[in-house]
């Protein structure tokens, strides 16, 4: 005759899961959800943040390259087309940025249309520069300080 296994408690464990196993699985699922779901909270804003970081990276690269190589490089913002062109040590590159709304310079104030060309010389850029970006009700500003060469990203809403 076939024998059936019986646990220490005397309960047959032929089919199904114990309550403890179900609780452990639910705990693991809730733990994973608690870690993963917050990363999706600002998913719509991530493109704006990504573009702001890329603008900051380009400004930092241009300023640092000009100072370290003692050469002059340029960056051109075409606000009508939403493109940025820069000519650095690696040659010229163009990138589209759909969320740029304007550029602020000390000498010209805020410019929201047209084209702005800036030069990074052996001492860096000659004036403070702010690049304004927005998507929906979210706004960000990337600022380059001409004295320190430091680039900051400010989340404004």
C-alpha atoms as a PDB file:
ATOM      1  CA  UNK A   1       0.000   0.000   0.000  1.00  0.00           C
ATOM      2  CA  UNK A   2       1.254   3.516  -0.851  1.00  0.00           C
ATOM      3  CA  UNK A   3       2.289   5.652   2.038  1.00  0.00           C
ATOM      4  CA  UNK A   4       1.357   9.320   2.330  1.00  0.00           C
ATOM      5  CA  UNK A   5       3.798  11.735   3.910  1.00  0.00           C
ATOM      6  CA  UNK A   6       2.580  13.496   6.976  1.00  0.00           C
ATOM      7  CA  UNK A   7       4.313  16.464   8.579  1.00  0.00           C
ATOM      8  CA  UNK A   8       5.239  16.612  12.235  1.00  0.00           C
ATOM      9  CA  UNK A   9       1.964  18.286  13.049  1.00  0.00           C
ATOM     10  CA  UNK A  10       0.064  15.399  11.556  1.00  0.00           C
ATOM     11  CA  UNK A  11      -1.383  17.423   8.682  1.00  0.00           C
ATOM     12  CA  UNK A  12      -1.171  16.055   5.169  1.00  0.00           C
ATOM     13  CA  UNK A  13       0.952  18.325   2.924  1.00  0.00           C
ATOM     14  CA  UNK A  14       0.146  16.737  -0.406  1.00  0.00           C
ATOM     15  CA  UNK A  15      -1.296  19.845  -2.160  1.00  0.00           C
ATOM     16  CA  UNK A  16      -1.340  23.636  -1.710  1.00  0.00           C
ATOM     17  CA  UNK A  17       0.670  26.170   0.221  1.00  0.00           C
ATOM     18  CA  UNK A  18       0.802  26.874   3.908  1.00  0.00           C
ATOM     19  CA  UNK A  19      -0.374  30.185   5.288  1.00  0.00           C
ATOM     20  CA  UNK A  20       3.196  31.042   6.251  1.00  0.00           C
ATOM     21  CA  UNK A  21       4.409  30.527   2.667  1.00  0.00           C
ATOM     22  CA  UNK A  22       1.657  32.805   1.330  1.00  0.00           C
ATOM     23  CA  UNK A  23       2.497  35.518   3.864  1.00  0.00           C
ATOM     24  CA  UNK A  24       6.197  35.387   2.953  1.00  0.00           C
ATOM     25  CA  UNK A  25       5.426  35.666  -0.786  1.00  0.00           C
ATOM     26  CA  UNK A  26       3.053  38.620  -0.226  1.00  0.00           C
ATOM     27  CA  UNK A  27       5.683  40.329   1.926  1.00  0.00           C
ATOM     28  CA  UNK A  28       8.325  39.955  -0.794  1.00  0.00           C
ATOM     29  CA  UNK A  29       5.943  41.284  -3.475  1.00  0.00           C
ATOM     30  CA  UNK A  30       5.022  44.314  -1.349  1.00  0.00           C
ATOM     31  CA  UNK A  31       8.696  44.983  -0.602  1.00  0.00           C
ATOM     32  CA  UNK A  32       9.583  44.945  -4.312  1.00  0.00           C
ATOM     33  CA  UNK A  33       6.604  47.208  -5.105  1.00  0.00           C
ATOM     34  CA  UNK A  34       7.673  49.676  -2.392  1.00  0.00           C
ATOM     35  CA  UNK A  35      11.129  49.930  -3.952  1.00  0.00           C
ATOM     36  CA  UNK A  36      10.085  50.063  -7.629  1.00  0.00           C
ATOM     37  CA  UNK A  37       6.941  52.238  -7.645  1.00  0.00           C
ATOM     38  CA  UNK A  38       8.481  55.500  -6.336  1.00  0.00           C
ATOM     39  CA  UNK A  39      10.822  55.549  -9.325  1.00  0.00           C
ATOM     40  CA  UNK A  40       7.788  55.860 -11.608  1.00  0.00           C
ATOM     41  CA  UNK A  41       6.318  58.809  -9.672  1.00  0.00           C
ATOM     42  CA  UNK A  42       8.166  61.519 -11.632  1.00  0.00           C
ATOM     43  CA  UNK A  43       8.454  59.585 -14.868  1.00  0.00           C
ATOM     44  CA  UNK A  44       6.992  62.437 -16.961  1.00  0.00           C
ATOM     45  CA  UNK A  45       9.520  64.916 -15.561  1.00  0.00           C
ATOM     46  CA  UNK A  46      12.492  62.654 -16.212  1.00  0.00           C
ATOM     47  CA  UNK A  47      12.866  63.849 -19.834  1.00  0.00           C
ATOM     48  CA  UNK A  48      13.118  67.477 -18.694  1.00  0.00           C
ATOM     49  CA  UNK A  49      15.661  66.543 -15.999  1.00  0.00           C
ATOM     50  CA  UNK A  50      17.614  64.484 -18.498  1.00  0.00           C
ATOM     51  CA  UNK A  51      17.769  67.379 -20.971  1.00  0.00           C
ATOM     52  CA  UNK A  52      18.785  69.789 -18.187  1.00  0.00           C
ATOM     53  CA  UNK A  53      21.603  67.441 -17.162  1.00  0.00           C
ATOM     54  CA  UNK A  54      22.736  67.158 -20.775  1.00  0.00           C
ATOM     55  CA  UNK A  55      22.782  70.967 -21.218  1.00  0.00           C
ATOM     56  CA  UNK A  56      24.755  71.247 -17.962  1.00  0.00           C
ATOM     57  CA  UNK A  57      27.199  68.627 -19.190  1.00  0.00           C
ATOM     58  CA  UNK A  58      27.719  70.428 -22.516  1.00  0.00           C
ATOM     59  CA  UNK A  59      28.301  73.789 -20.780  1.00  0.00           C
ATOM     60  CA  UNK A  60      30.751  72.222 -18.318  1.00  0.00           C
ATOM     61  CA  UNK A  61      32.578  70.425 -21.141  1.00  0.00           C
ATOM     62  CA  UNK A  62      32.860  73.547 -23.297  1.00  0.00           C
ATOM     63  CA  UNK A  63      34.065  75.756 -20.443  1.00  0.00           C
ATOM     64  CA  UNK A  64      36.564  73.217 -19.088  1.00  0.00           C
ATOM     65  CA  UNK A  65      37.901  72.389 -22.570  1.00  0.00           C
ATOM     66  CA  UNK A  66      38.436  76.044 -23.466  1.00  0.00           C
ATOM     67  CA  UNK A  67      40.242  76.791 -20.203  1.00  0.00           C
ATOM     68  CA  UNK A  68      42.429  73.672 -20.179  1.00  0.00           C
ATOM     69  CA  UNK A  69      43.414  73.917 -23.866  1.00  0.00           C
ATOM     70  CA  UNK A  70      43.679  77.734 -23.921  1.00  0.00           C
ATOM     71  CA  UNK A  71      41.530  77.773 -27.069  1.00  0.00           C
ATOM     72  CA  UNK A  72      38.245  79.386 -28.070  1.00  0.00           C
ATOM     73  CA  UNK A  73      35.150  77.266 -28.662  1.00  0.00           C
ATOM     74  CA  UNK A  74      31.586  78.279 -29.428  1.00  0.00           C
ATOM     75  CA  UNK A  75      28.065  77.235 -28.595  1.00  0.00           C
ATOM     76  CA  UNK A  76      25.016  78.376 -30.552  1.00  0.00           C
ATOM     77  CA  UNK A  77      21.442  78.222 -29.233  1.00  0.00           C
ATOM     78  CA  UNK A  78      18.800  78.335 -31.977  1.00  0.00           C
ATOM     79  CA  UNK A  79      15.682  78.995 -29.916  1.00  0.00           C
ATOM     80  CA  UNK A  80      13.317  78.957 -32.899  1.00  0.00           C
ATOM     81  CA  UNK A  81      14.353  75.458 -33.981  1.00  0.00           C
ATOM     82  CA  UNK A  82      15.125  74.154 -30.477  1.00  0.00           C
ATOM     83  CA  UNK A  83      18.681  73.126 -31.351  1.00  0.00           C
ATOM     84  CA  UNK A  84      22.064  73.605 -29.745  1.00  0.00           C
ATOM     85  CA  UNK A  85      25.240  73.521 -31.829  1.00  0.00           C
ATOM     86  CA  UNK A  86      28.650  73.459 -30.211  1.00  0.00           C
ATOM     87  CA  UNK A  87      32.129  73.435 -31.676  1.00  0.00           C
ATOM     88  CA  UNK A  88      34.565  71.920 -29.212  1.00  0.00           C
ATOM     89  CA  UNK A  89      37.857  70.038 -29.368  1.00  0.00           C
ATOM     90  CA  UNK A  90      36.045  67.022 -30.862  1.00  0.00           C
ATOM     91  CA  UNK A  91      34.523  69.034 -33.700  1.00  0.00           C
ATOM     92  CA  UNK A  92      31.011  70.351 -34.193  1.00  0.00           C
ATOM     93  CA  UNK A  93      27.890  68.662 -32.851  1.00  0.00           C
ATOM     94  CA  UNK A  94      24.191  69.517 -32.978  1.00  0.00           C
ATOM     95  CA  UNK A  95      21.486  68.307 -30.619  1.00  0.00           C
ATOM     96  CA  UNK A  96      17.749  69.054 -30.454  1.00  0.00           C
ATOM     97  CA  UNK A  97      16.285  70.179 -27.135  1.00  0.00           C
ATOM     98  CA  UNK A  98      12.517  70.626 -27.316  1.00  0.00           C
ATOM     99  CA  UNK A  99      12.140  72.089 -23.835  1.00  0.00           C
ATOM    100  CA  UNK A 100      14.440  75.158 -24.008  1.00  0.00           C
ATOM    101  CA  UNK A 101      12.350  78.314 -23.559  1.00  0.00           C
ATOM    102  CA  UNK A 102      15.082  80.934 -23.372  1.00  0.00           C
ATOM    103  CA  UNK A 103      18.627  81.954 -22.522  1.00  0.00           C
ATOM    104  CA  UNK A 104      19.563  84.722 -20.082  1.00  0.00           C
ATOM    105  CA  UNK A 105      22.825  86.656 -20.346  1.00  0.00           C
ATOM    106  CA  UNK A 106      23.974  89.576 -18.201  1.00  0.00           C
ATOM    107  CA  UNK A 107      24.512  91.731 -21.285  1.00  0.00           C
ATOM    108  CA  UNK A 108      21.276  90.901 -23.159  1.00  0.00           C
ATOM    109  CA  UNK A 109      18.795  89.791 -20.517  1.00  0.00           C
ATOM    110  CA  UNK A 110      16.420  86.944 -21.317  1.00  0.00           C
ATOM    111  CA  UNK A 111      16.232  85.988 -24.993  1.00  0.00           C
ATOM    112  CA  UNK A 112      13.341  83.719 -26.016  1.00  0.00           C
ATOM    113  CA  UNK A 113      13.642  83.642 -29.802  1.00  0.00           C
ATOM    114  CA  UNK A 114      16.270  83.778 -32.496  1.00  0.00           C
ATOM    115  CA  UNK A 115      19.855  82.642 -32.266  1.00  0.00           C
ATOM    116  CA  UNK A 116      22.503  83.272 -29.622  1.00  0.00           C
ATOM    117  CA  UNK A 117      26.181  82.478 -30.174  1.00  0.00           C
ATOM    118  CA  UNK A 118      28.515  82.385 -27.181  1.00  0.00           C
ATOM    119  CA  UNK A 119      32.269  81.942 -27.059  1.00  0.00           C
ATOM    120  CA  UNK A 120      34.269  80.073 -24.449  1.00  0.00           C
ATOM    121  CA  UNK A 121      37.779  81.527 -24.447  1.00  0.00           C
ATOM    122  CA  UNK A 122      40.986  80.647 -22.581  1.00  0.00           C
ATOM    123  CA  UNK A 123      39.488  82.168 -19.416  1.00  0.00           C
ATOM    124  CA  UNK A 124      36.082  80.528 -19.880  1.00  0.00           C
ATOM    125  CA  UNK A 125      32.863  82.300 -20.734  1.00  0.00           C
ATOM    126  CA  UNK A 126      32.823  86.067 -20.156  1.00  0.00           C
ATOM    127  CA  UNK A 127      29.429  86.421 -18.439  1.00  0.00           C
ATOM    128  CA  UNK A 128      26.933  84.380 -16.458  1.00  0.00           C
ATOM    129  CA  UNK A 129      24.634  82.234 -18.552  1.00  0.00           C
ATOM    130  CA  UNK A 130      21.249  80.694 -17.717  1.00  0.00           C
ATOM    131  CA  UNK A 131      19.352  78.266 -19.931  1.00  0.00           C
ATOM    132  CA  UNK A 132      15.634  78.094 -19.113  1.00  0.00           C
ATOM    133  CA  UNK A 133      13.645  74.937 -19.797  1.00  0.00           C
ATOM    134  CA  UNK A 134      10.025  73.973 -19.217  1.00  0.00           C
ATOM    135  CA  UNK A 135       7.656  71.110 -19.863  1.00  0.00           C
ATOM    136  CA  UNK A 136       4.051  71.609 -18.803  1.00  0.00           C
ATOM    137  CA  UNK A 137       4.075  73.292 -15.399  1.00  0.00           C
ATOM    138  CA  UNK A 138       7.602  72.065 -14.569  1.00  0.00           C
ATOM    139  CA  UNK A 139      10.480  74.540 -15.023  1.00  0.00           C
ATOM    140  CA  UNK A 140      14.239  74.121 -14.678  1.00  0.00           C
ATOM    141  CA  UNK A 141      17.171  76.492 -15.115  1.00  0.00           C
ATOM    142  CA  UNK A 142      20.763  75.525 -15.883  1.00  0.00           C
ATOM    143  CA  UNK A 143      23.182  78.259 -14.777  1.00  0.00           C
ATOM    144  CA  UNK A 144      26.880  78.655 -15.575  1.00  0.00           C
ATOM    145  CA  UNK A 145      28.831  80.999 -13.298  1.00  0.00           C
ATOM    146  CA  UNK A 146      31.514  82.728 -15.375  1.00  0.00           C
ATOM    147  CA  UNK A 147      33.840  83.326 -12.419  1.00  0.00           C
ATOM    148  CA  UNK A 148      33.922  79.820 -10.954  1.00  0.00           C
ATOM    149  CA  UNK A 149      32.941  77.803 -14.032  1.00  0.00           C
ATOM    150  CA  UNK A 150      30.412  75.998 -11.872  1.00  0.00           C
ATOM    151  CA  UNK A 151      27.200  74.733 -13.465  1.00  0.00           C
ATOM    152  CA  UNK A 152      24.031  74.370 -11.384  1.00  0.00           C
ATOM    153  CA  UNK A 153      20.622  72.926 -12.199  1.00  0.00           C
ATOM    154  CA  UNK A 154      17.741  74.599 -10.381  1.00  0.00           C
ATOM    155  CA  UNK A 155      14.311  72.966 -10.206  1.00  0.00           C
ATOM    156  CA  UNK A 156      11.778  75.802 -10.167  1.00  0.00           C
ATOM    157  CA  UNK A 157       8.470  74.044 -10.008  1.00  0.00           C
END
